[in-house]
Amino acid sequence: MKELTIKLPNSVDFTNQQLAFIIAGLLYEKGKLSLGQAAEVAGLSKKTFTELIGKNNISIFNFPPFDLNKDIYLQRASDYEA
């Protein structure tokens, strides 16, 4: 796993764990990390990470609405073939 060091102004009042969660949440939301990977980056269990992303208005479904609509369409089409 990569390690990152960043310099922030003293006025940024977050703990290292809070910053790790913010970064993990953003990368999860953008589809760059799986749920398990994001939880690991944040230093949390999957269950805790899932609860926290919900409380922070990050969707657990990290794929675009177009993909969901496409999946629904394909499922309905396969139901008609059966």
Protein backbone atom coordinates (compact mmCIF):
# COMPACT_ATOMS: atom_id res chain seq x y z
CA MET A 1 0.00 0.00 0.00
CA LYS A 2 1.24 3.50 -0.81
CA GLU A 3 1.98 5.92 1.99
CA LEU A 4 1.17 9.61 1.60
CA THR A 5 2.56 12.58 3.49
CA ILE A 6 0.91 15.96 3.07
CA LYS A 7 1.39 19.33 4.69
CA LEU A 8 -1.75 21.13 5.85
CA PRO A 9 -2.18 24.48 7.56
CA ASN A 10 -2.61 24.30 11.34
CA SER A 11 -6.09 25.73 10.84
CA VAL A 12 -7.22 22.42 9.29
CA ASP A 13 -8.63 20.82 12.40
CA PHE A 14 -8.92 17.12 11.53
CA THR A 15 -7.25 14.09 13.07
CA ASN A 16 -5.23 11.75 10.87
CA GLN A 17 -8.05 9.19 11.07
CA GLN A 18 -10.63 11.77 10.00
CA LEU A 19 -8.46 12.74 7.02
CA ALA A 20 -7.95 9.08 6.12
CA PHE A 21 -11.74 8.60 6.17
CA ILE A 22 -12.31 11.68 3.99
CA ILE A 23 -9.79 10.50 1.40
CA ALA A 24 -11.08 6.91 1.49
CA GLY A 25 -14.67 8.13 1.13
CA LEU A 26 -13.83 10.27 -1.89
CA LEU A 27 -11.88 7.49 -3.58
CA TYR A 28 -14.72 5.04 -2.88
CA GLU A 29 -17.31 7.48 -4.21
CA LYS A 30 -15.30 7.91 -7.41
CA GLY A 31 -15.04 4.12 -7.84
CA LYS A 32 -11.26 4.02 -7.32
CA LEU A 33 -11.48 1.84 -4.21
CA SER A 34 -13.75 -1.05 -3.31
CA LEU A 35 -15.68 -0.90 -0.05
CA GLY A 36 -13.14 -3.18 1.62
CA GLN A 37 -10.17 -1.20 0.32
CA ALA A 38 -11.70 2.10 1.42
CA ALA A 39 -12.44 0.72 4.88
CA GLU A 40 -8.83 -0.47 5.14
CA VAL A 41 -7.48 2.95 4.08
CA ALA A 42 -9.71 4.59 6.70
CA GLY A 43 -8.56 2.10 9.33
CA LEU A 44 -12.12 0.92 9.95
CA SER A 45 -14.15 -2.26 9.65
CA LYS A 46 -16.39 -2.55 6.58
CA LYS A 47 -19.44 -2.25 8.83
CA THR A 48 -18.22 0.95 10.51
CA PHE A 49 -17.06 2.45 7.21
CA THR A 50 -20.46 1.69 5.65
CA GLU A 51 -22.28 3.34 8.56
CA LEU A 52 -20.05 6.44 8.40
CA ILE A 53 -20.35 6.95 4.65
CA GLY A 54 -24.12 6.89 5.06
CA LYS A 55 -23.92 9.51 7.79
CA ASN A 56 -21.71 11.63 5.53
CA ASN A 57 -24.04 11.48 2.50
CA ILE A 58 -21.77 9.23 0.45
CA SER A 59 -23.73 6.61 -1.46
CA ILE A 60 -22.91 2.98 -0.80
CA PHE A 61 -23.64 2.39 -4.49
CA ASN A 62 -20.51 3.62 -6.20
CA PHE A 63 -21.60 3.38 -9.81
CA PRO A 64 -23.30 5.93 -12.04
CA PRO A 65 -27.10 5.91 -12.45
CA PHE A 66 -26.65 5.06 -16.14
CA ASP A 67 -25.08 1.73 -15.17
CA LEU A 68 -27.98 0.98 -12.84
CA ASN A 69 -30.53 1.77 -15.56
CA LYS A 70 -28.58 -0.42 -18.01
CA ASP A 71 -28.52 -3.31 -15.50
CA ILE A 72 -32.27 -2.99 -14.90
CA TYR A 73 -32.92 -2.95 -18.66
CA LEU A 74 -30.75 -6.03 -19.23
CA GLN A 75 -32.40 -7.89 -16.35
CA ARG A 76 -35.87 -7.14 -17.67
CA ALA A 77 -34.84 -8.23 -21.17
CA SER A 78 -33.52 -11.55 -19.81
CA ASP A 79 -36.77 -12.05 -17.85
CA TYR A 80 -38.74 -11.85 -21.11
CA GLU A 81 -36.47 -14.41 -22.78
CA ALA A 82 -37.13 -17.00 -20.06
